[in-house]
Amino acid sequence: VSSVLDIDFSPTGREFVSGSYDRTVRIFRYNEGRSREVYHGKRMQRIWSVLFSGDSRYVLSASDDFNIRLWKANASESVKPQLPREKRKQEYETKLKDRFKDTPEVKRIARHRHLPKAILKATKIKGIIKSSKKRKEDNVRKHSKKGEVPYVAERKKNVVTVMK
């Protein structure tokens, strides 16, 4: 919702982590628009710096309240040593998720994230502002000459500069 203050790529290069002004740490896959994991805390302040560990298992974040926090890169992954039975169970669950990932119920569960109320409100307000701007642009386009108001892709509107 708010501006991103720092990002870091994982050593594998397949994911990156972002720390933002809205006090969240988000992990993204390189080819997806949605975050895979969202971390936040009640007492956590703005995130100034984020860093992947060397083995990509943990994420470190430094915030405005002078704390450094350690997060698991995969929230469902256990930190303690697992018994063979537990490993098999976890492998079976991931295979099930992969097998049924296209069903609507599993998609909804996989996409769902618990966020603080302030972030949900800000997201809702931002959506209202965005839809009203789009409605205004459509009205201007309707009442002007054809081709005078060009369509600009949403992804290109936010680009500040292009580095060469």
N, C-alpha and C. Protein backbone atom coordinates (compact mmCIF):
# COMPACT_ATOMS: atom_id res chain seq x y z
N VAL A 1 0.84 -1.18 0.00
CA VAL A 1 0.00 0.00 0.00
C VAL A 1 0.88 1.25 0.00
N SER A 2 1.83 1.30 0.93
CA SER A 2 2.71 2.45 1.01
C SER A 2 3.99 2.20 0.21
N SER A 3 4.85 3.21 0.23
CA SER A 3 6.06 3.12 -0.58
C SER A 3 7.03 2.08 -0.01
N VAL A 4 7.76 1.46 -0.92
CA VAL A 4 8.76 0.46 -0.55
C VAL A 4 10.06 1.20 -0.25
N LEU A 5 10.66 0.89 0.89
CA LEU A 5 11.88 1.57 1.30
C LEU A 5 13.13 0.77 0.99
N ASP A 6 13.02 -0.57 0.92
CA ASP A 6 14.20 -1.38 0.62
C ASP A 6 13.77 -2.72 0.03
N ILE A 7 14.59 -3.25 -0.88
CA ILE A 7 14.36 -4.59 -1.41
C ILE A 7 15.68 -5.34 -1.41
N ASP A 8 15.59 -6.67 -1.44
CA ASP A 8 16.77 -7.51 -1.55
C ASP A 8 16.38 -8.80 -2.26
N PHE A 9 17.22 -9.24 -3.19
CA PHE A 9 16.98 -10.49 -3.89
C PHE A 9 17.55 -11.65 -3.10
N SER A 10 16.89 -12.80 -3.22
CA SER A 10 17.40 -14.01 -2.56
C SER A 10 18.65 -14.48 -3.31
N PRO A 11 19.50 -15.24 -2.67
CA PRO A 11 20.70 -15.75 -3.35
C PRO A 11 20.37 -16.59 -4.60
N THR A 12 19.20 -17.21 -4.62
CA THR A 12 18.82 -17.99 -5.80
C THR A 12 18.36 -17.10 -6.95
N GLY A 13 17.92 -15.87 -6.63
CA GLY A 13 17.44 -14.95 -7.65
C GLY A 13 16.01 -15.19 -8.06
N ARG A 14 15.32 -16.14 -7.44
CA ARG A 14 13.95 -16.48 -7.80
C ARG A 14 12.93 -15.68 -7.00
N GLU A 15 13.37 -15.02 -5.92
CA GLU A 15 12.46 -14.27 -5.06
C GLU A 15 13.13 -12.99 -4.61
N PHE A 16 12.31 -12.04 -4.16
CA PHE A 16 12.87 -10.85 -3.52
C PHE A 16 11.97 -10.45 -2.36
N VAL A 17 12.57 -9.76 -1.41
CA VAL A 17 11.85 -9.32 -0.22
C VAL A 17 11.82 -7.80 -0.22
N SER A 18 10.69 -7.23 0.25
CA SER A 18 10.57 -5.78 0.30
C SER A 18 10.14 -5.36 1.70
N GLY A 19 10.69 -4.24 2.14
CA GLY A 19 10.29 -3.63 3.40
C GLY A 19 9.68 -2.29 3.09
N SER A 20 8.55 -1.98 3.70
CA SER A 20 7.85 -0.77 3.28
C SER A 20 7.43 0.12 4.44
N TYR A 21 6.95 1.28 4.06
CA TYR A 21 6.54 2.31 4.99
C TYR A 21 5.31 1.90 5.79
N ASP A 22 4.52 0.95 5.26
CA ASP A 22 3.31 0.51 5.96
C ASP A 22 3.61 -0.58 7.00
N ARG A 23 4.87 -0.77 7.35
CA ARG A 23 5.32 -1.66 8.42
C ARG A 23 5.13 -3.14 8.07
N THR A 24 5.29 -3.49 6.81
CA THR A 24 5.20 -4.89 6.40
C THR A 24 6.45 -5.33 5.68
N VAL A 25 6.75 -6.61 5.82
CA VAL A 25 7.82 -7.26 5.06
C VAL A 25 7.11 -8.25 4.15
N ARG A 26 7.34 -8.14 2.84
CA ARG A 26 6.67 -9.00 1.88
C ARG A 26 7.69 -9.74 1.04
N ILE A 27 7.40 -11.01 0.77
CA ILE A 27 8.26 -11.83 -0.08
C ILE A 27 7.49 -12.10 -1.37
N PHE A 28 8.13 -11.79 -2.50
CA PHE A 28 7.53 -11.97 -3.82
C PHE A 28 8.35 -12.97 -4.62
N ARG A 29 7.67 -13.73 -5.48
CA ARG A 29 8.38 -14.50 -6.50
C ARG A 29 8.69 -13.53 -7.64
N TYR A 30 9.76 -13.78 -8.38
CA TYR A 30 10.19 -12.81 -9.39
C TYR A 30 9.19 -12.62 -10.51
N ASN A 31 8.32 -13.59 -10.75
CA ASN A 31 7.42 -13.50 -11.89
C ASN A 31 5.95 -13.35 -11.51
N GLU A 32 5.66 -12.99 -10.25
CA GLU A 32 4.28 -12.85 -9.80
C GLU A 32 4.04 -11.44 -9.26
N GLY A 33 2.81 -10.99 -9.36
CA GLY A 33 2.45 -9.66 -8.88
C GLY A 33 2.00 -9.64 -7.43
N ARG A 34 1.68 -10.80 -6.89
CA ARG A 34 1.23 -10.90 -5.50
C ARG A 34 2.36 -11.37 -4.60
N SER A 35 2.31 -10.94 -3.35
CA SER A 35 3.32 -11.40 -2.40
C SER A 35 3.00 -12.81 -1.94
N ARG A 36 4.05 -13.58 -1.74
CA ARG A 36 3.90 -14.96 -1.27
C ARG A 36 3.71 -15.00 0.23
N GLU A 37 4.42 -14.17 0.95
CA GLU A 37 4.33 -14.06 2.40
C GLU A 37 4.26 -12.60 2.79
N VAL A 38 3.51 -12.31 3.85
CA VAL A 38 3.42 -10.96 4.40
C VAL A 38 3.67 -11.06 5.90
N TYR A 39 4.65 -10.32 6.39
CA TYR A 39 4.95 -10.30 7.82
C TYR A 39 4.72 -8.91 8.38
N HIS A 40 4.14 -8.86 9.55
CA HIS A 40 3.91 -7.59 10.24
C HIS A 40 3.82 -7.87 11.73
N GLY A 41 4.02 -6.86 12.52
CA GLY A 41 3.92 -6.99 13.96
C GLY A 41 3.22 -5.79 14.55
N LYS A 42 2.64 -5.96 15.74
CA LYS A 42 1.91 -4.85 16.35
C LYS A 42 2.84 -3.69 16.70
N ARG A 43 4.00 -4.02 17.27
CA ARG A 43 4.90 -2.96 17.73
C ARG A 43 5.95 -2.58 16.69
N MET A 44 5.92 -3.23 15.55
CA MET A 44 6.92 -2.96 14.52
C MET A 44 6.64 -1.63 13.83
N GLN A 45 7.69 -0.87 13.56
CA GLN A 45 7.56 0.42 12.90
C GLN A 45 7.97 0.29 11.44
N ARG A 46 8.19 1.42 10.76
CA ARG A 46 8.56 1.40 9.34
C ARG A 46 9.84 0.57 9.14
N ILE A 47 9.84 -0.18 8.05
CA ILE A 47 10.97 -1.06 7.75
C ILE A 47 11.95 -0.29 6.88
N TRP A 48 13.18 -0.12 7.37
CA TRP A 48 14.18 0.63 6.63
C TRP A 48 15.11 -0.26 5.82
N SER A 49 15.29 -1.50 6.27
CA SER A 49 16.22 -2.36 5.57
C SER A 49 15.76 -3.82 5.67
N VAL A 50 15.91 -4.57 4.58
CA VAL A 50 15.60 -5.99 4.56
C VAL A 50 16.76 -6.73 3.91
N LEU A 51 16.93 -8.00 4.29
CA LEU A 51 18.05 -8.78 3.78
C LEU A 51 17.71 -10.27 3.86
N PHE A 52 17.97 -10.99 2.78
CA PHE A 52 17.86 -12.45 2.80
C PHE A 52 19.11 -13.03 3.43
N SER A 53 18.96 -14.14 4.13
CA SER A 53 20.14 -14.84 4.66
C SER A 53 20.83 -15.55 3.50
N GLY A 54 22.04 -16.01 3.72
CA GLY A 54 22.82 -16.64 2.66
C GLY A 54 22.19 -17.91 2.11
N ASP A 55 21.42 -18.64 2.93
CA ASP A 55 20.80 -19.87 2.47
C ASP A 55 19.33 -19.70 2.07
N SER A 56 18.84 -18.48 2.04
CA SER A 56 17.47 -18.14 1.63
C SER A 56 16.40 -18.71 2.56
N ARG A 57 16.76 -19.10 3.75
CA ARG A 57 15.78 -19.65 4.68
C ARG A 57 15.20 -18.59 5.60
N TYR A 58 15.91 -17.48 5.77
CA TYR A 58 15.46 -16.44 6.69
C TYR A 58 15.53 -15.07 6.03
N VAL A 59 14.75 -14.15 6.59
CA VAL A 59 14.75 -12.76 6.16
C VAL A 59 15.01 -11.91 7.39
N LEU A 60 15.93 -10.97 7.28
CA LEU A 60 16.19 -10.03 8.37
C LEU A 60 15.59 -8.69 8.01
N SER A 61 15.00 -8.02 9.01
CA SER A 61 14.44 -6.69 8.77
C SER A 61 14.85 -5.76 9.89
N ALA A 62 15.18 -4.53 9.51
CA ALA A 62 15.53 -3.49 10.48
C ALA A 62 14.49 -2.40 10.38
N SER A 63 13.94 -2.01 11.54
CA SER A 63 12.84 -1.06 11.52
C SER A 63 13.19 0.21 12.29
N ASP A 64 12.25 1.13 12.25
CA ASP A 64 12.39 2.44 12.87
C ASP A 64 12.55 2.38 14.38
N ASP A 65 12.11 1.30 14.99
CA ASP A 65 12.17 1.18 16.45
C ASP A 65 13.50 0.56 16.92
N PHE A 66 14.52 0.59 16.05
CA PHE A 66 15.87 0.12 16.35
C PHE A 66 15.92 -1.37 16.68
N ASN A 67 15.05 -2.16 16.07
CA ASN A 67 15.05 -3.60 16.25
C ASN A 67 15.40 -4.29 14.94
N ILE A 68 16.09 -5.39 15.07
CA ILE A 68 16.35 -6.26 13.91
C ILE A 68 15.57 -7.54 14.16
N ARG A 69 14.71 -7.89 13.22
CA ARG A 69 13.87 -9.07 13.38
C ARG A 69 14.28 -10.13 12.37
N LEU A 70 14.13 -11.38 12.79
CA LEU A 70 14.45 -12.52 11.95
C LEU A 70 13.14 -13.24 11.63
N TRP A 71 12.83 -13.39 10.34
CA TRP A 71 11.60 -14.03 9.88
C TRP A 71 11.97 -15.27 9.07
N LYS A 72 11.10 -16.29 9.13
CA LYS A 72 11.30 -17.46 8.26
C LYS A 72 10.85 -17.09 6.86
N ALA A 73 11.60 -17.49 5.85
CA ALA A 73 11.20 -17.19 4.47
C ALA A 73 9.95 -17.98 4.08
N ASN A 74 9.80 -19.16 4.62
CA ASN A 74 8.58 -19.95 4.43
C ASN A 74 7.92 -20.10 5.79
N ALA A 75 6.81 -19.43 5.98
CA ALA A 75 6.18 -19.39 7.31
C ALA A 75 5.75 -20.76 7.80
N SER A 76 5.37 -21.65 6.91
CA SER A 76 4.90 -22.97 7.32
C SER A 76 6.04 -23.93 7.63
N GLU A 77 7.25 -23.56 7.28
CA GLU A 77 8.40 -24.44 7.49
C GLU A 77 8.80 -24.45 8.96
N SER A 78 9.11 -25.63 9.46
CA SER A 78 9.51 -25.77 10.86
C SER A 78 10.99 -25.44 11.03
N VAL A 79 11.33 -24.83 12.15
CA VAL A 79 12.72 -24.47 12.42
C VAL A 79 13.46 -25.63 13.07
N LYS A 80 12.76 -26.37 13.91
CA LYS A 80 13.40 -27.48 14.63
C LYS A 80 13.66 -28.65 13.69
N PRO A 81 14.58 -29.54 14.06
CA PRO A 81 14.81 -30.74 13.24
C PRO A 81 13.55 -31.60 13.19
N GLN A 82 13.24 -32.10 12.02
CA GLN A 82 12.02 -32.88 11.84
C GLN A 82 12.31 -34.36 11.81
N LEU A 83 11.34 -35.13 12.32
CA LEU A 83 11.40 -36.58 12.22
C LEU A 83 11.11 -36.98 10.78
N PRO A 84 11.56 -38.13 10.34
CA PRO A 84 11.26 -38.56 8.96
C PRO A 84 9.76 -38.56 8.66
N ARG A 85 8.96 -38.95 9.65
CA ARG A 85 7.50 -38.97 9.48
C ARG A 85 6.97 -37.57 9.22
N GLU A 86 7.49 -36.58 9.93
CA GLU A 86 7.06 -35.19 9.74
C GLU A 86 7.48 -34.66 8.37
N LYS A 87 8.70 -35.03 7.93
CA LYS A 87 9.16 -34.61 6.61
C LYS A 87 8.26 -35.18 5.51
N ARG A 88 7.93 -36.48 5.64
CA ARG A 88 7.06 -37.11 4.65
C ARG A 88 5.69 -36.44 4.61
N LYS A 89 5.17 -36.10 5.80
CA LYS A 89 3.87 -35.44 5.87
C LYS A 89 3.91 -34.08 5.18
N GLN A 90 4.97 -33.31 5.43
CA GLN A 90 5.08 -32.00 4.81
C GLN A 90 5.26 -32.11 3.29
N GLU A 91 6.04 -33.09 2.83
CA GLU A 91 6.19 -33.32 1.39
C GLU A 91 4.86 -33.70 0.75
N TYR A 92 4.10 -34.55 1.44
CA TYR A 92 2.79 -34.96 0.94
C TYR A 92 1.85 -33.77 0.83
N GLU A 93 1.86 -32.89 1.84
CA GLU A 93 1.00 -31.70 1.82
C GLU A 93 1.37 -30.76 0.69
N THR A 94 2.66 -30.57 0.43
CA THR A 94 3.07 -29.70 -0.68
C THR A 94 2.68 -30.32 -2.03
N LYS A 95 2.79 -31.65 -2.14
CA LYS A 95 2.36 -32.31 -3.38
C LYS A 95 0.86 -32.14 -3.60
N LEU A 96 0.09 -32.23 -2.51
CA LEU A 96 -1.36 -32.02 -2.62
C LEU A 96 -1.67 -30.59 -3.07
N LYS A 97 -0.97 -29.63 -2.48
CA LYS A 97 -1.17 -28.22 -2.85
C LYS A 97 -0.84 -28.01 -4.32
N ASP A 98 0.26 -28.60 -4.78
CA ASP A 98 0.64 -28.46 -6.19
C ASP A 98 -0.38 -29.14 -7.12
N ARG A 99 -0.90 -30.28 -6.68
CA ARG A 99 -1.82 -31.04 -7.52
C ARG A 99 -3.15 -30.30 -7.69
N PHE A 100 -3.65 -29.69 -6.61
CA PHE A 100 -4.96 -29.06 -6.65
C PHE A 100 -4.87 -27.54 -6.64
N LYS A 101 -3.75 -26.98 -7.09
CA LYS A 101 -3.56 -25.53 -7.04
C LYS A 101 -4.50 -24.76 -7.96
N ASP A 102 -5.10 -25.42 -8.94
CA ASP A 102 -5.97 -24.74 -9.89
C ASP A 102 -7.45 -24.74 -9.46
N THR A 103 -7.78 -25.43 -8.40
CA THR A 103 -9.17 -25.42 -7.94
C THR A 103 -9.45 -24.12 -7.21
N PRO A 104 -10.66 -23.57 -7.33
CA PRO A 104 -10.96 -22.26 -6.73
C PRO A 104 -10.78 -22.21 -5.22
N GLU A 105 -11.12 -23.28 -4.53
CA GLU A 105 -11.02 -23.28 -3.07
C GLU A 105 -9.56 -23.20 -2.62
N VAL A 106 -8.70 -23.98 -3.25
CA VAL A 106 -7.28 -23.98 -2.88
C VAL A 106 -6.63 -22.67 -3.28
N LYS A 107 -7.02 -22.10 -4.43
CA LYS A 107 -6.49 -20.80 -4.85
C LYS A 107 -6.83 -19.72 -3.83
N ARG A 108 -8.08 -19.73 -3.36
CA ARG A 108 -8.52 -18.72 -2.39
C ARG A 108 -7.74 -18.84 -1.09
N ILE A 109 -7.53 -20.06 -0.62
CA ILE A 109 -6.79 -20.26 0.62
C ILE A 109 -5.33 -19.86 0.45
N ALA A 110 -4.74 -20.19 -0.69
CA ALA A 110 -3.33 -19.85 -0.93
C ALA A 110 -3.11 -18.35 -1.06
N ARG A 111 -4.10 -17.63 -1.59
CA ARG A 111 -3.97 -16.18 -1.79
C ARG A 111 -4.25 -15.38 -0.53
N HIS A 112 -5.00 -15.95 0.40
CA HIS A 112 -5.47 -15.19 1.56
C HIS A 112 -4.31 -14.81 2.48
N ARG A 113 -4.30 -13.55 2.92
CA ARG A 113 -3.30 -13.04 3.85
C ARG A 113 -3.99 -12.25 4.96
N HIS A 114 -3.56 -12.45 6.19
CA HIS A 114 -4.07 -11.65 7.30
C HIS A 114 -3.24 -10.38 7.40
N LEU A 115 -3.90 -9.24 7.32
CA LEU A 115 -3.22 -7.95 7.38
C LEU A 115 -3.84 -7.10 8.48
N PRO A 116 -3.07 -6.17 9.02
CA PRO A 116 -3.64 -5.27 10.02
C PRO A 116 -4.75 -4.42 9.43
N LYS A 117 -5.65 -3.97 10.29
CA LYS A 117 -6.81 -3.19 9.87
C LYS A 117 -6.40 -1.90 9.15
N ALA A 118 -5.33 -1.27 9.62
CA ALA A 118 -4.88 -0.01 9.00
C ALA A 118 -4.47 -0.23 7.55
N ILE A 119 -3.80 -1.33 7.27
CA ILE A 119 -3.36 -1.63 5.90
C ILE A 119 -4.56 -1.96 5.02
N LEU A 120 -5.54 -2.71 5.57
CA LEU A 120 -6.74 -3.01 4.79
C LEU A 120 -7.52 -1.74 4.45
N LYS A 121 -7.63 -0.83 5.42
CA LYS A 121 -8.33 0.43 5.17
C LYS A 121 -7.61 1.25 4.10
N ALA A 122 -6.27 1.33 4.21
CA ALA A 122 -5.50 2.09 3.23
C ALA A 122 -5.64 1.49 1.84
N THR A 123 -5.67 0.16 1.76
CA THR A 123 -5.84 -0.51 0.47
C THR A 123 -7.21 -0.19 -0.12
N LYS A 124 -8.23 -0.19 0.73
CA LYS A 124 -9.59 0.12 0.26
C LYS A 124 -9.69 1.55 -0.24
N ILE A 125 -9.10 2.48 0.51
CA ILE A 125 -9.13 3.90 0.11
C ILE A 125 -8.37 4.10 -1.19
N LYS A 126 -7.22 3.42 -1.31
CA LYS A 126 -6.43 3.54 -2.53
C LYS A 126 -7.21 3.00 -3.73
N GLY A 127 -7.96 1.91 -3.53
CA GLY A 127 -8.79 1.35 -4.61
C GLY A 127 -9.88 2.30 -5.03
N ILE A 128 -10.50 3.00 -4.04
CA ILE A 128 -11.55 3.97 -4.35
C ILE A 128 -10.98 5.12 -5.16
N ILE A 129 -9.81 5.61 -4.75
CA ILE A 129 -9.16 6.72 -5.47
C ILE A 129 -8.81 6.30 -6.89
N LYS A 130 -8.28 5.09 -7.02
CA LYS A 130 -7.89 4.59 -8.33
C LYS A 130 -9.10 4.45 -9.26
N SER A 131 -10.21 3.92 -8.73
CA SER A 131 -11.40 3.75 -9.58
C SER A 131 -12.01 5.10 -9.96
N SER A 132 -11.96 6.07 -9.05
CA SER A 132 -12.51 7.39 -9.40
C SER A 132 -11.65 8.08 -10.46
N LYS A 133 -10.32 7.92 -10.38
CA LYS A 133 -9.45 8.48 -11.42
C LYS A 133 -9.73 7.83 -12.77
N LYS A 134 -9.93 6.51 -12.76
CA LYS A 134 -10.23 5.80 -14.01
C LYS A 134 -11.57 6.25 -14.58
N ARG A 135 -12.57 6.42 -13.72
CA ARG A 135 -13.88 6.89 -14.17
C ARG A 135 -13.78 8.28 -14.77
N LYS A 136 -12.99 9.16 -14.14
CA LYS A 136 -12.82 10.52 -14.66
C LYS A 136 -12.12 10.49 -16.02
N GLU A 137 -11.08 9.65 -16.12
CA GLU A 137 -10.36 9.53 -17.39
C GLU A 137 -11.27 9.00 -18.49
N ASP A 138 -12.13 8.04 -18.16
CA ASP A 138 -13.08 7.51 -19.14
C ASP A 138 -14.08 8.58 -19.59
N ASN A 139 -14.53 9.40 -18.64
CA ASN A 139 -15.46 10.48 -18.99
C ASN A 139 -14.79 11.51 -19.89
N VAL A 140 -13.53 11.85 -19.59
CA VAL A 140 -12.79 12.80 -20.44
C VAL A 140 -12.61 12.20 -21.83
N ARG A 141 -12.32 10.91 -21.88
CA ARG A 141 -12.14 10.22 -23.16
C ARG A 141 -13.45 10.21 -23.97
N LYS A 142 -14.59 10.02 -23.28
CA LYS A 142 -15.89 10.00 -23.97
C LYS A 142 -16.23 11.35 -24.60
N HIS A 143 -15.85 12.44 -23.94
CA HIS A 143 -16.26 13.77 -24.38
C HIS A 143 -15.13 14.54 -25.08
N SER A 144 -14.20 13.82 -25.65
CA SER A 144 -13.14 14.46 -26.43
C SER A 144 -13.02 13.74 -27.77
N LYS A 145 -12.22 14.31 -28.64
CA LYS A 145 -12.04 13.71 -29.96
C LYS A 145 -11.42 12.33 -29.83
N LYS A 146 -11.71 11.50 -30.80
CA LYS A 146 -11.20 10.14 -30.79
C LYS A 146 -9.68 10.13 -30.93
N GLY A 147 -8.99 9.46 -30.03
CA GLY A 147 -7.54 9.37 -30.06
C GLY A 147 -6.81 10.51 -29.38
N GLU A 148 -7.53 11.51 -28.89
CA GLU A 148 -6.89 12.68 -28.24
C GLU A 148 -6.37 12.32 -26.85
N VAL A 149 -7.11 11.48 -26.12
CA VAL A 149 -6.68 11.03 -24.79
C VAL A 149 -6.27 9.56 -24.93
N PRO A 150 -4.96 9.30 -24.98
CA PRO A 150 -4.51 7.93 -25.22
C PRO A 150 -4.68 7.04 -23.99
N TYR A 151 -4.76 5.74 -24.22
CA TYR A 151 -4.77 4.77 -23.14
C TYR A 151 -3.34 4.52 -22.71
N VAL A 152 -3.08 4.62 -21.41
CA VAL A 152 -1.75 4.36 -20.87
C VAL A 152 -1.88 3.18 -19.91
N ALA A 153 -1.04 2.16 -20.09
CA ALA A 153 -1.09 0.99 -19.22
C ALA A 153 -0.77 1.39 -17.78
N GLU A 154 -1.43 0.74 -16.85
CA GLU A 154 -1.28 1.06 -15.42
C GLU A 154 0.17 0.87 -14.96
N ARG A 155 0.84 -0.13 -15.49
CA ARG A 155 2.23 -0.39 -15.10
C ARG A 155 3.17 0.71 -15.57
N LYS A 156 2.82 1.37 -16.68
CA LYS A 156 3.68 2.42 -17.21
C LYS A 156 3.44 3.77 -16.53
N LYS A 157 2.30 3.92 -15.85
CA LYS A 157 2.00 5.18 -15.17
C LYS A 157 2.93 5.41 -13.99
N ASN A 158 3.36 4.34 -13.33
CA ASN A 158 4.15 4.46 -12.11
C ASN A 158 5.65 4.49 -12.35
N VAL A 159 6.09 4.37 -13.59
CA VAL A 159 7.52 4.38 -13.89
C VAL A 159 8.02 5.81 -13.83
N VAL A 160 9.02 6.05 -12.99
CA VAL A 160 9.57 7.39 -12.83
C VAL A 160 10.64 7.64 -13.88
N THR A 161 11.66 6.77 -13.92
CA THR A 161 12.71 6.85 -14.93
C THR A 161 13.10 5.46 -15.37
N VAL A 162 13.63 5.35 -16.55
CA VAL A 162 14.11 4.08 -17.08
C VAL A 162 15.62 4.15 -17.16
N MET A 163 16.27 3.23 -16.46
CA MET A 163 17.75 3.19 -16.45
C MET A 163 18.24 2.42 -17.67
N LYS A 164 19.33 2.87 -18.25
CA LYS A 164 19.89 2.17 -19.41
C LYS A 164 21.19 1.51 -19.06
